[in-house]
């Protein structure tokens, strides 16, 4: 599954989309931020990507994983 999202990622939906008895595991990572005691208040984060570059790069990484380890992506 190669995708970019403009909103919050629904981890349960992604997990359901990739669930397959042929997969050995499904791993996700959820991170957070911590407030810098000496810095300004943090109320949100904004991430951005340029799809024309990001999507082909993610596909290249997936293709390499398939070639090296015979995984399903």
C-alpha atoms as a PDB file:
ATOM      1  CA  UNK A   1       0.000   0.000   0.000  1.00  0.00           C
ATOM      2  CA  UNK A   2       1.647   3.207  -1.209  1.00  0.00           C
ATOM      3  CA  UNK A   3      -0.282   6.373  -0.387  1.00  0.00           C
ATOM      4  CA  UNK A   4      -0.157   9.919   0.905  1.00  0.00           C
ATOM      5  CA  UNK A   5      -2.848  11.319   3.161  1.00  0.00           C
ATOM      6  CA  UNK A   6      -3.969  14.922   3.535  1.00  0.00           C
ATOM      7  CA  UNK A   7      -5.542  14.216   6.902  1.00  0.00           C
ATOM      8  CA  UNK A   8      -5.032  12.068   9.959  1.00  0.00           C
ATOM      9  CA  UNK A   9      -4.136   8.458   9.189  1.00  0.00           C
ATOM     10  CA  UNK A  10      -6.760   5.937  10.261  1.00  0.00           C
ATOM     11  CA  UNK A  11      -4.475   3.187  11.592  1.00  0.00           C
ATOM     12  CA  UNK A  12      -7.328   0.666  11.861  1.00  0.00           C
ATOM     13  CA  UNK A  13      -8.308   1.247   8.205  1.00  0.00           C
ATOM     14  CA  UNK A  14      -4.713   0.898   7.000  1.00  0.00           C
ATOM     15  CA  UNK A  15      -4.266  -2.266   9.056  1.00  0.00           C
ATOM     16  CA  UNK A  16      -7.466  -3.724   7.592  1.00  0.00           C
ATOM     17  CA  UNK A  17      -6.358  -2.795   4.060  1.00  0.00           C
ATOM     18  CA  UNK A  18      -3.088  -4.712   4.330  1.00  0.00           C
ATOM     19  CA  UNK A  19      -4.219  -7.627   6.516  1.00  0.00           C
ATOM     20  CA  UNK A  20      -3.535 -10.923   4.769  1.00  0.00           C
ATOM     21  CA  UNK A  21      -2.798 -14.403   6.075  1.00  0.00           C
ATOM     22  CA  UNK A  22       0.309 -14.413   3.830  1.00  0.00           C
ATOM     23  CA  UNK A  23       1.803 -11.552   5.849  1.00  0.00           C
ATOM     24  CA  UNK A  24       3.818 -12.411   8.893  1.00  0.00           C
ATOM     25  CA  UNK A  25       3.134  -9.145  10.694  1.00  0.00           C
ATOM     26  CA  UNK A  26       1.684  -5.687  10.397  1.00  0.00           C
ATOM     27  CA  UNK A  27       3.689  -2.980  12.116  1.00  0.00           C
ATOM     28  CA  UNK A  28       2.609   0.590  12.738  1.00  0.00           C
ATOM     29  CA  UNK A  29       4.254   3.465  14.544  1.00  0.00           C
ATOM     30  CA  UNK A  30       2.452   6.238  16.358  1.00  0.00           C
ATOM     31  CA  UNK A  31       4.562   9.111  17.569  1.00  0.00           C
ATOM     32  CA  UNK A  32       3.970  12.227  19.522  1.00  0.00           C
ATOM     33  CA  UNK A  33       5.815  15.374  20.375  1.00  0.00           C
ATOM     34  CA  UNK A  34       6.981  16.652  23.687  1.00  0.00           C
ATOM     35  CA  UNK A  35       6.937  20.231  24.742  1.00  0.00           C
ATOM     36  CA  UNK A  36      10.321  21.949  24.901  1.00  0.00           C
ATOM     37  CA  UNK A  37      10.334  23.557  28.348  1.00  0.00           C
ATOM     38  CA  UNK A  38      12.148  26.610  27.008  1.00  0.00           C
ATOM     39  CA  UNK A  39      10.320  26.846  23.688  1.00  0.00           C
ATOM     40  CA  UNK A  40       7.034  28.209  22.448  1.00  0.00           C
ATOM     41  CA  UNK A  41       3.805  26.289  23.048  1.00  0.00           C
ATOM     42  CA  UNK A  42       3.280  23.512  20.521  1.00  0.00           C
ATOM     43  CA  UNK A  43      -0.328  23.028  19.462  1.00  0.00           C
ATOM     44  CA  UNK A  44      -0.001  21.115  16.167  1.00  0.00           C
ATOM     45  CA  UNK A  45       2.380  19.760  13.550  1.00  0.00           C
ATOM     46  CA  UNK A  46       2.111  20.155   9.804  1.00  0.00           C
ATOM     47  CA  UNK A  47       3.743  17.722   7.395  1.00  0.00           C
ATOM     48  CA  UNK A  48       3.858  18.094   3.667  1.00  0.00           C
ATOM     49  CA  UNK A  49       5.182  16.139   0.714  1.00  0.00           C
ATOM     50  CA  UNK A  50       5.419  16.715  -2.993  1.00  0.00           C
ATOM     51  CA  UNK A  51       3.500  13.778  -4.475  1.00  0.00           C
ATOM     52  CA  UNK A  52       5.438  13.854  -7.775  1.00  0.00           C
ATOM     53  CA  UNK A  53       8.607  13.023  -5.826  1.00  0.00           C
ATOM     54  CA  UNK A  54       7.317  11.212  -2.750  1.00  0.00           C
ATOM     55  CA  UNK A  55       5.123   8.601  -4.426  1.00  0.00           C
ATOM     56  CA  UNK A  56       7.772   7.352  -6.903  1.00  0.00           C
ATOM     57  CA  UNK A  57      10.362   7.233  -4.109  1.00  0.00           C
ATOM     58  CA  UNK A  58       8.038   5.234  -1.861  1.00  0.00           C
ATOM     59  CA  UNK A  59       7.317   2.885  -4.784  1.00  0.00           C
ATOM     60  CA  UNK A  60      11.059   2.438  -5.392  1.00  0.00           C
ATOM     61  CA  UNK A  61      11.539   1.492  -1.729  1.00  0.00           C
ATOM     62  CA  UNK A  62       8.662  -0.994  -1.947  1.00  0.00           C
ATOM     63  CA  UNK A  63      10.064  -2.452  -5.193  1.00  0.00           C
ATOM     64  CA  UNK A  64      13.460  -2.922  -3.549  1.00  0.00           C
ATOM     65  CA  UNK A  65      11.882  -4.685  -0.563  1.00  0.00           C
ATOM     66  CA  UNK A  66      10.026  -7.048  -2.902  1.00  0.00           C
ATOM     67  CA  UNK A  67      13.209  -7.799  -4.856  1.00  0.00           C
ATOM     68  CA  UNK A  68      15.402  -8.309  -1.778  1.00  0.00           C
ATOM     69  CA  UNK A  69      13.054 -10.192   0.532  1.00  0.00           C
ATOM     70  CA  UNK A  70      10.188 -11.513  -1.644  1.00  0.00           C
ATOM     71  CA  UNK A  71       7.661  -9.647   0.485  1.00  0.00           C
ATOM     72  CA  UNK A  72       4.218  -8.597  -0.641  1.00  0.00           C
ATOM     73  CA  UNK A  73       3.631  -4.866  -0.705  1.00  0.00           C
END
